[in-house]
N, C-alpha and C. Protein backbone atom coordinates (compact mmCIF):
# COMPACT_ATOMS: atom_id res chain seq x y z
N MET A 1 -168.84 -31.28 50.11
CA MET A 1 -169.87 -30.41 50.63
C MET A 1 -169.24 -29.40 51.59
N ALA A 2 -169.62 -28.17 51.46
CA ALA A 2 -169.02 -27.10 52.26
C ALA A 2 -169.37 -27.21 53.73
N ARG A 3 -168.42 -26.86 54.56
CA ARG A 3 -168.62 -26.90 56.01
C ARG A 3 -169.12 -25.56 56.55
N ILE A 4 -169.11 -24.54 55.69
CA ILE A 4 -169.61 -23.22 56.08
C ILE A 4 -170.53 -22.69 54.98
N ALA A 5 -171.31 -21.67 55.34
CA ALA A 5 -172.22 -21.04 54.39
C ALA A 5 -171.76 -19.60 54.11
N VAL A 6 -172.25 -19.05 53.02
CA VAL A 6 -171.88 -17.69 52.63
C VAL A 6 -172.23 -16.70 53.74
N VAL A 7 -173.36 -16.91 54.41
CA VAL A 7 -173.78 -15.98 55.47
C VAL A 7 -172.76 -15.94 56.61
N GLN A 8 -172.08 -17.05 56.88
CA GLN A 8 -171.06 -17.06 57.93
C GLN A 8 -169.84 -16.24 57.52
N VAL A 9 -169.50 -16.24 56.25
CA VAL A 9 -168.38 -15.44 55.76
C VAL A 9 -168.75 -13.96 55.78
N ARG A 10 -169.98 -13.66 55.35
CA ARG A 10 -170.41 -12.26 55.31
C ARG A 10 -170.41 -11.62 56.70
N ALA A 11 -170.51 -12.41 57.74
CA ALA A 11 -170.46 -11.86 59.10
C ALA A 11 -169.13 -11.18 59.37
N TRP A 12 -168.07 -11.57 58.67
CA TRP A 12 -166.73 -11.01 58.89
C TRP A 12 -166.33 -9.98 57.84
N LEU A 13 -167.22 -9.70 56.89
CA LEU A 13 -166.92 -8.73 55.84
C LEU A 13 -167.70 -7.45 56.08
N GLU A 14 -167.06 -6.32 55.87
CA GLU A 14 -167.72 -5.03 55.98
C GLU A 14 -168.55 -4.84 54.71
N PRO A 15 -169.90 -4.81 54.82
CA PRO A 15 -170.75 -4.79 53.62
C PRO A 15 -170.62 -3.53 52.77
N THR A 16 -170.18 -2.41 53.35
CA THR A 16 -170.03 -1.20 52.53
C THR A 16 -168.71 -1.19 51.78
N LYS A 17 -167.78 -2.08 52.15
CA LYS A 17 -166.49 -2.11 51.49
C LYS A 17 -166.33 -3.31 50.58
N LEU A 18 -166.92 -4.44 50.97
CA LEU A 18 -166.71 -5.66 50.21
C LEU A 18 -167.92 -6.57 50.37
N LYS A 19 -168.54 -6.94 49.26
CA LYS A 19 -169.67 -7.85 49.30
C LYS A 19 -169.23 -9.17 48.69
N HIS A 20 -169.51 -10.23 49.43
CA HIS A 20 -169.17 -11.57 48.95
C HIS A 20 -170.22 -12.02 47.94
N PRO A 21 -169.81 -12.70 46.88
CA PRO A 21 -170.82 -13.23 45.93
C PRO A 21 -171.70 -14.28 46.62
N ASP A 22 -172.77 -14.66 45.93
CA ASP A 22 -173.72 -15.62 46.51
C ASP A 22 -173.16 -17.03 46.59
N ALA A 23 -172.08 -17.29 45.90
CA ALA A 23 -171.46 -18.62 45.95
C ALA A 23 -170.02 -18.49 46.44
N MET A 24 -169.57 -19.53 47.12
CA MET A 24 -168.19 -19.54 47.62
C MET A 24 -167.20 -19.70 46.47
N LEU A 25 -165.99 -19.27 46.71
CA LEU A 25 -164.90 -19.55 45.78
C LEU A 25 -164.37 -20.94 46.16
N PRO A 26 -164.63 -21.97 45.35
CA PRO A 26 -164.34 -23.35 45.77
C PRO A 26 -162.89 -23.60 46.17
N ALA A 27 -161.95 -23.09 45.41
CA ALA A 27 -160.53 -23.35 45.73
C ALA A 27 -160.15 -22.69 47.05
N LEU A 28 -160.60 -21.47 47.27
CA LEU A 28 -160.29 -20.76 48.51
C LEU A 28 -160.92 -21.46 49.72
N LEU A 29 -162.17 -21.88 49.55
CA LEU A 29 -162.86 -22.59 50.62
C LEU A 29 -162.17 -23.92 50.93
N ASP A 30 -161.78 -24.63 49.90
CA ASP A 30 -161.10 -25.91 50.10
C ASP A 30 -159.79 -25.73 50.87
N HIS A 31 -159.04 -24.70 50.52
CA HIS A 31 -157.78 -24.44 51.22
C HIS A 31 -158.01 -24.07 52.69
N ALA A 32 -159.01 -23.23 52.95
CA ALA A 32 -159.30 -22.82 54.33
C ALA A 32 -159.73 -24.03 55.16
N GLU A 33 -160.64 -24.84 54.62
CA GLU A 33 -161.10 -26.03 55.35
C GLU A 33 -159.96 -27.01 55.58
N THR A 34 -159.17 -27.25 54.56
CA THR A 34 -158.07 -28.21 54.67
C THR A 34 -157.07 -27.77 55.73
N GLU A 35 -156.72 -26.49 55.73
CA GLU A 35 -155.73 -26.01 56.69
C GLU A 35 -156.24 -26.10 58.13
N VAL A 36 -157.47 -25.66 58.35
CA VAL A 36 -158.02 -25.69 59.70
C VAL A 36 -158.15 -27.13 60.19
N LEU A 37 -158.74 -27.99 59.37
CA LEU A 37 -158.95 -29.37 59.79
C LEU A 37 -157.63 -30.12 60.00
N ALA A 38 -156.65 -29.86 59.16
CA ALA A 38 -155.36 -30.52 59.32
C ALA A 38 -154.71 -30.15 60.64
N ARG A 39 -154.86 -28.92 61.04
CA ARG A 39 -154.20 -28.49 62.27
C ARG A 39 -154.91 -28.97 63.52
N VAL A 40 -156.24 -29.06 63.51
CA VAL A 40 -156.94 -29.52 64.71
C VAL A 40 -157.07 -31.04 64.76
N SER A 41 -156.71 -31.71 63.67
CA SER A 41 -156.83 -33.18 63.65
C SER A 41 -155.85 -33.86 64.60
N SER A 42 -154.84 -33.14 65.07
CA SER A 42 -153.92 -33.74 66.04
C SER A 42 -154.56 -33.86 67.42
N VAL A 43 -155.67 -33.15 67.63
CA VAL A 43 -156.33 -33.16 68.93
C VAL A 43 -157.73 -33.77 68.87
N TYR A 44 -158.43 -33.56 67.76
CA TYR A 44 -159.80 -34.03 67.61
C TYR A 44 -159.93 -34.97 66.42
N ASP A 45 -160.87 -35.88 66.52
CA ASP A 45 -161.19 -36.76 65.40
C ASP A 45 -162.10 -35.98 64.45
N ILE A 46 -161.59 -35.63 63.29
CA ILE A 46 -162.32 -34.79 62.35
C ILE A 46 -163.04 -35.59 61.27
N THR A 47 -162.98 -36.90 61.32
CA THR A 47 -163.52 -37.73 60.25
C THR A 47 -165.03 -37.58 60.08
N THR A 48 -165.72 -37.18 61.13
CA THR A 48 -167.17 -37.03 61.03
C THR A 48 -167.58 -35.60 60.65
N TRP A 49 -166.65 -34.70 60.57
CA TRP A 49 -166.97 -33.31 60.23
C TRP A 49 -166.97 -33.16 58.71
N VAL A 50 -168.04 -33.54 58.07
CA VAL A 50 -168.07 -33.59 56.61
C VAL A 50 -168.91 -32.50 55.96
N ASP A 51 -169.78 -31.85 56.73
CA ASP A 51 -170.60 -30.79 56.16
C ASP A 51 -170.95 -29.78 57.26
N ALA A 52 -171.83 -28.83 56.91
CA ALA A 52 -172.16 -27.77 57.86
C ALA A 52 -172.93 -28.27 59.07
N THR A 53 -173.64 -29.37 58.95
CA THR A 53 -174.41 -29.87 60.09
C THR A 53 -173.56 -30.69 61.05
N THR A 54 -172.47 -31.28 60.58
CA THR A 54 -171.64 -32.12 61.45
C THR A 54 -170.39 -31.41 61.96
N THR A 55 -170.04 -30.29 61.38
CA THR A 55 -168.86 -29.55 61.81
C THR A 55 -169.22 -28.65 62.99
N PRO A 56 -168.45 -28.70 64.07
CA PRO A 56 -168.76 -27.87 65.25
C PRO A 56 -168.76 -26.38 64.91
N PRO A 57 -169.62 -25.60 65.56
CA PRO A 57 -169.72 -24.17 65.27
C PRO A 57 -168.39 -23.42 65.43
N LEU A 58 -167.58 -23.77 66.42
CA LEU A 58 -166.30 -23.08 66.59
C LEU A 58 -165.39 -23.31 65.39
N ILE A 59 -165.38 -24.51 64.86
CA ILE A 59 -164.57 -24.81 63.68
C ILE A 59 -165.12 -24.06 62.47
N GLN A 60 -166.43 -23.97 62.36
CA GLN A 60 -167.03 -23.19 61.28
C GLN A 60 -166.64 -21.72 61.37
N THR A 61 -166.60 -21.19 62.58
CA THR A 61 -166.19 -19.80 62.78
C THR A 61 -164.74 -19.60 62.34
N ILE A 62 -163.88 -20.52 62.71
CA ILE A 62 -162.46 -20.40 62.33
C ILE A 62 -162.32 -20.47 60.81
N ILE A 63 -163.00 -21.41 60.17
CA ILE A 63 -162.94 -21.53 58.71
C ILE A 63 -163.48 -20.25 58.07
N SER A 64 -164.58 -19.73 58.60
CA SER A 64 -165.17 -18.50 58.06
C SER A 64 -164.22 -17.31 58.17
N LYS A 65 -163.56 -17.19 59.32
CA LYS A 65 -162.60 -16.09 59.50
C LYS A 65 -161.42 -16.22 58.55
N MET A 66 -160.92 -17.44 58.41
CA MET A 66 -159.79 -17.63 57.52
C MET A 66 -160.18 -17.33 56.08
N TYR A 67 -161.32 -17.84 55.66
CA TYR A 67 -161.81 -17.60 54.30
C TYR A 67 -162.01 -16.09 54.08
N ALA A 68 -162.67 -15.41 55.02
CA ALA A 68 -162.93 -13.98 54.87
C ALA A 68 -161.63 -13.17 54.83
N GLY A 69 -160.67 -13.53 55.67
CA GLY A 69 -159.39 -12.83 55.65
C GLY A 69 -158.67 -12.98 54.33
N TRP A 70 -158.67 -14.20 53.82
CA TRP A 70 -158.03 -14.44 52.52
C TRP A 70 -158.82 -13.75 51.41
N PHE A 71 -160.15 -13.73 51.52
CA PHE A 71 -161.00 -13.06 50.51
C PHE A 71 -160.69 -11.57 50.46
N TYR A 72 -160.55 -10.94 51.64
CA TYR A 72 -160.14 -9.54 51.70
C TYR A 72 -158.78 -9.35 51.03
N ASP A 73 -157.84 -10.19 51.39
CA ASP A 73 -156.49 -10.06 50.83
C ASP A 73 -156.51 -10.19 49.31
N ILE A 74 -157.30 -11.10 48.79
CA ILE A 74 -157.40 -11.25 47.34
C ILE A 74 -158.04 -10.02 46.72
N ALA A 75 -159.14 -9.55 47.31
CA ALA A 75 -159.86 -8.40 46.75
C ALA A 75 -159.02 -7.13 46.73
N TYR A 76 -158.19 -6.96 47.75
CA TYR A 76 -157.38 -5.75 47.84
C TYR A 76 -155.90 -6.02 47.59
N SER A 77 -155.60 -7.06 46.87
CA SER A 77 -154.20 -7.44 46.66
C SER A 77 -153.41 -6.39 45.90
N GLU A 78 -154.06 -5.59 45.11
CA GLU A 78 -153.34 -4.56 44.35
C GLU A 78 -153.07 -3.32 45.19
N ASP A 79 -153.75 -3.21 46.32
CA ASP A 79 -153.58 -2.06 47.19
C ASP A 79 -152.55 -2.32 48.30
N VAL A 80 -151.80 -3.40 48.15
CA VAL A 80 -150.83 -3.77 49.18
C VAL A 80 -149.67 -2.79 49.14
N GLY A 81 -149.04 -2.67 50.25
CA GLY A 81 -147.91 -1.75 50.35
C GLY A 81 -147.94 -1.14 51.72
N ALA A 82 -147.90 0.15 51.77
CA ALA A 82 -147.91 0.83 53.06
C ALA A 82 -149.25 0.65 53.76
N ASN A 83 -150.31 0.46 52.98
CA ASN A 83 -151.65 0.33 53.55
C ASN A 83 -152.10 -1.12 53.53
N GLU A 84 -151.47 -1.94 54.34
CA GLU A 84 -151.86 -3.34 54.42
C GLU A 84 -153.26 -3.43 55.01
N ASN A 85 -154.03 -4.40 54.54
CA ASN A 85 -155.40 -4.56 55.02
C ASN A 85 -155.39 -5.05 56.46
N THR A 86 -155.56 -4.13 57.38
CA THR A 86 -155.46 -4.48 58.80
C THR A 86 -156.64 -5.33 59.27
N TRP A 87 -157.84 -5.13 58.70
CA TRP A 87 -158.97 -5.96 59.11
C TRP A 87 -158.75 -7.41 58.71
N ALA A 88 -158.26 -7.64 57.52
CA ALA A 88 -157.98 -9.01 57.08
C ALA A 88 -156.95 -9.64 58.01
N GLN A 89 -155.92 -8.90 58.36
CA GLN A 89 -154.88 -9.43 59.24
C GLN A 89 -155.44 -9.70 60.64
N ARG A 90 -156.33 -8.84 61.09
CA ARG A 90 -156.90 -9.02 62.43
C ARG A 90 -157.75 -10.29 62.50
N ILE A 91 -158.60 -10.54 61.52
CA ILE A 91 -159.43 -11.75 61.59
C ILE A 91 -158.60 -13.00 61.32
N LEU A 92 -157.56 -12.90 60.50
CA LEU A 92 -156.67 -14.05 60.31
C LEU A 92 -155.89 -14.36 61.59
N GLN A 93 -155.44 -13.34 62.29
CA GLN A 93 -154.73 -13.55 63.56
C GLN A 93 -155.65 -14.15 64.61
N ASN A 94 -156.92 -13.74 64.60
CA ASN A 94 -157.87 -14.29 65.55
C ASN A 94 -158.14 -15.76 65.24
N ALA A 95 -158.26 -16.11 63.96
CA ALA A 95 -158.44 -17.51 63.58
C ALA A 95 -157.22 -18.33 64.00
N GLU A 96 -156.04 -17.77 63.81
CA GLU A 96 -154.80 -18.45 64.21
C GLU A 96 -154.75 -18.65 65.72
N MET A 97 -155.15 -17.64 66.47
CA MET A 97 -155.17 -17.75 67.93
C MET A 97 -156.11 -18.88 68.38
N LEU A 98 -157.25 -18.99 67.74
CA LEU A 98 -158.20 -20.06 68.08
C LEU A 98 -157.62 -21.44 67.75
N ILE A 99 -156.98 -21.57 66.61
CA ILE A 99 -156.39 -22.85 66.22
C ILE A 99 -155.29 -23.25 67.21
N VAL A 100 -154.41 -22.31 67.53
CA VAL A 100 -153.32 -22.59 68.46
C VAL A 100 -153.89 -22.98 69.83
N GLY A 101 -154.93 -22.30 70.27
CA GLY A 101 -155.55 -22.63 71.54
C GLY A 101 -156.18 -24.01 71.55
N ILE A 102 -156.77 -24.40 70.45
CA ILE A 102 -157.35 -25.74 70.35
C ILE A 102 -156.25 -26.79 70.38
N VAL A 103 -155.20 -26.56 69.63
CA VAL A 103 -154.11 -27.53 69.54
C VAL A 103 -153.38 -27.67 70.88
N ASP A 104 -153.14 -26.55 71.57
CA ASP A 104 -152.41 -26.66 72.84
C ASP A 104 -153.31 -27.00 74.03
N GLY A 105 -154.61 -27.09 73.80
CA GLY A 105 -155.53 -27.53 74.84
C GLY A 105 -156.11 -26.43 75.70
N SER A 106 -155.74 -25.17 75.47
CA SER A 106 -156.29 -24.09 76.29
C SER A 106 -157.70 -23.70 75.85
N ILE A 107 -158.10 -24.10 74.64
CA ILE A 107 -159.46 -23.89 74.14
C ILE A 107 -160.02 -25.25 73.77
N THR A 108 -161.21 -25.54 74.26
CA THR A 108 -161.86 -26.79 73.89
C THR A 108 -163.07 -26.48 73.02
N ILE A 109 -163.39 -27.42 72.17
CA ILE A 109 -164.56 -27.27 71.31
C ILE A 109 -165.76 -27.77 72.11
N PRO A 110 -166.73 -26.91 72.39
CA PRO A 110 -167.89 -27.34 73.18
C PRO A 110 -168.60 -28.53 72.52
N THR A 111 -169.05 -29.44 73.34
CA THR A 111 -169.79 -30.65 72.96
C THR A 111 -168.97 -31.67 72.18
N VAL A 112 -167.69 -31.42 72.01
CA VAL A 112 -166.83 -32.38 71.31
C VAL A 112 -165.67 -32.73 72.23
N GLY A 113 -165.51 -34.00 72.50
CA GLY A 113 -164.39 -34.42 73.34
C GLY A 113 -163.15 -34.64 72.51
N PRO A 114 -161.97 -34.31 73.05
CA PRO A 114 -160.74 -34.56 72.29
C PRO A 114 -160.55 -36.06 72.05
N SER A 115 -159.85 -36.37 71.00
CA SER A 115 -159.55 -37.76 70.69
C SER A 115 -158.75 -38.37 71.82
N THR A 116 -159.02 -39.61 72.10
CA THR A 116 -158.21 -40.29 73.10
C THR A 116 -156.95 -40.78 72.42
N ILE A 117 -155.85 -40.44 73.00
CA ILE A 117 -154.57 -40.84 72.43
C ILE A 117 -154.24 -42.20 73.01
N ALA A 118 -154.06 -43.16 72.15
CA ALA A 118 -153.79 -44.53 72.58
C ALA A 118 -152.40 -44.63 73.19
N GLN A 119 -152.26 -45.58 74.10
CA GLN A 119 -150.95 -45.85 74.69
C GLN A 119 -150.06 -46.46 73.62
N PRO A 120 -148.78 -46.20 73.67
CA PRO A 120 -147.88 -46.78 72.68
C PRO A 120 -147.90 -48.30 72.74
N MET A 121 -147.87 -48.90 71.58
CA MET A 121 -147.85 -50.36 71.50
C MET A 121 -146.43 -50.81 71.18
N PHE A 122 -145.81 -51.51 72.11
CA PHE A 122 -144.47 -52.03 71.87
C PHE A 122 -144.25 -53.25 72.74
N TYR A 123 -143.20 -53.95 72.48
CA TYR A 123 -142.89 -55.17 73.20
C TYR A 123 -141.49 -55.04 73.77
N PRO A 124 -141.16 -55.39 74.92
CA PRO A 124 -142.02 -56.02 75.92
C PRO A 124 -142.96 -55.00 76.55
N ASN A 125 -144.01 -55.52 77.14
CA ASN A 125 -144.96 -54.67 77.84
C ASN A 125 -145.22 -55.25 79.22
N ASP A 126 -146.13 -54.66 79.97
CA ASP A 126 -146.39 -55.13 81.33
C ASP A 126 -146.84 -56.58 81.35
N ASN A 127 -147.64 -56.98 80.36
CA ASN A 127 -148.13 -58.35 80.35
C ASN A 127 -147.01 -59.36 80.10
N SER A 128 -146.02 -58.98 79.32
CA SER A 128 -144.95 -59.93 79.03
C SER A 128 -143.94 -60.02 80.16
N SER A 129 -144.01 -59.12 81.12
CA SER A 129 -143.03 -59.14 82.20
C SER A 129 -143.62 -59.60 83.53
N ILE A 130 -144.84 -60.14 83.50
CA ILE A 130 -145.41 -60.66 84.74
C ILE A 130 -144.71 -61.95 85.14
N GLN A 131 -145.00 -62.43 86.34
CA GLN A 131 -144.31 -63.60 86.88
C GLN A 131 -144.38 -64.80 85.93
N ASP A 132 -145.56 -65.14 85.44
CA ASP A 132 -145.69 -66.27 84.52
C ASP A 132 -146.56 -65.84 83.34
N PRO A 133 -145.94 -65.33 82.27
CA PRO A 133 -146.72 -64.82 81.14
C PRO A 133 -147.40 -65.92 80.34
N ARG A 134 -147.13 -67.17 80.69
CA ARG A 134 -147.72 -68.27 79.93
C ARG A 134 -149.06 -68.73 80.49
N ASP A 135 -149.53 -68.07 81.57
CA ASP A 135 -150.78 -68.56 82.15
C ASP A 135 -151.94 -68.30 81.20
N ASN A 136 -153.08 -68.72 81.56
CA ASN A 136 -154.22 -68.73 80.66
C ASN A 136 -155.06 -67.46 80.75
N GLN A 137 -154.47 -66.34 80.99
CA GLN A 137 -155.24 -65.10 81.14
C GLN A 137 -155.06 -64.18 79.94
N GLY A 138 -154.77 -64.73 78.80
CA GLY A 138 -154.66 -63.95 77.59
C GLY A 138 -153.32 -63.29 77.39
N TYR A 139 -152.32 -63.70 78.16
CA TYR A 139 -151.00 -63.12 78.00
C TYR A 139 -150.24 -63.81 76.88
N ASP A 140 -149.09 -63.32 76.58
CA ASP A 140 -148.30 -63.81 75.46
C ASP A 140 -147.80 -65.23 75.73
N THR A 141 -148.35 -66.20 74.99
CA THR A 141 -147.98 -67.59 75.19
C THR A 141 -146.79 -67.99 74.32
N SER A 142 -146.35 -67.10 73.46
CA SER A 142 -145.24 -67.44 72.57
C SER A 142 -143.88 -67.35 73.27
N LEU A 143 -143.85 -66.96 74.52
CA LEU A 143 -142.59 -66.76 75.22
C LEU A 143 -141.91 -68.05 75.65
N GLY A 144 -142.68 -69.13 75.74
CA GLY A 144 -142.09 -70.37 76.22
C GLY A 144 -141.87 -70.31 77.72
N PRO A 145 -141.08 -71.23 78.25
CA PRO A 145 -140.87 -71.25 79.69
C PRO A 145 -140.04 -70.06 80.16
N ASN A 146 -140.20 -69.74 81.44
CA ASN A 146 -139.45 -68.63 82.02
C ASN A 146 -137.95 -68.89 81.93
N LYS A 147 -137.22 -67.90 81.53
CA LYS A 147 -135.75 -67.98 81.49
C LYS A 147 -135.17 -67.25 82.70
N PHE A 148 -135.89 -66.25 83.16
CA PHE A 148 -135.40 -65.42 84.25
C PHE A 148 -136.59 -64.80 84.95
N SER A 149 -136.52 -64.58 86.20
CA SER A 149 -137.56 -63.91 86.96
C SER A 149 -136.89 -63.07 88.03
N ILE A 150 -137.52 -61.99 88.36
CA ILE A 150 -136.98 -61.12 89.39
C ILE A 150 -136.93 -61.85 90.73
N ASN A 151 -137.86 -62.75 90.96
CA ASN A 151 -137.92 -63.46 92.23
C ASN A 151 -136.99 -64.65 92.31
N GLN A 152 -136.25 -64.94 91.25
CA GLN A 152 -135.33 -66.09 91.29
C GLN A 152 -134.10 -65.78 92.14
N VAL A 153 -133.62 -66.78 92.84
CA VAL A 153 -132.39 -66.64 93.62
C VAL A 153 -131.29 -67.38 92.85
N PHE A 154 -130.17 -66.76 92.70
CA PHE A 154 -129.07 -67.36 91.93
C PHE A 154 -128.05 -67.96 92.85
């Protein structure tokens, strides 16, 4: 299910120069959504963003800009050369700026909190290095008796 609507793409297209059809180009939309979501997934949990109602508006805007920029480039691909499509490049650069800002933390998605990054899980840890890790407080009981302690006198 699409995360954006045609009307959101048309907002970035000049109607006298290029009119978007009533239906999205599925492959182009899939690529735009995949790229945007893959890049912001390092900061946000995107698993719940499955359609237009669950995807945050800022992410929809970025996907719309990327799709519209690529749509312009496809439509005018034969006119490439000295006259590069500057509008397509401008909206693609703006989408890129938003993605980079989200990833580096300078831009936050309103109403969505960043994913909490878990602490690294490795052994030994603080619980295994306490004075007596064998006590009954849920610490690692597989250690057996103490072999060494910082408080021991030799």
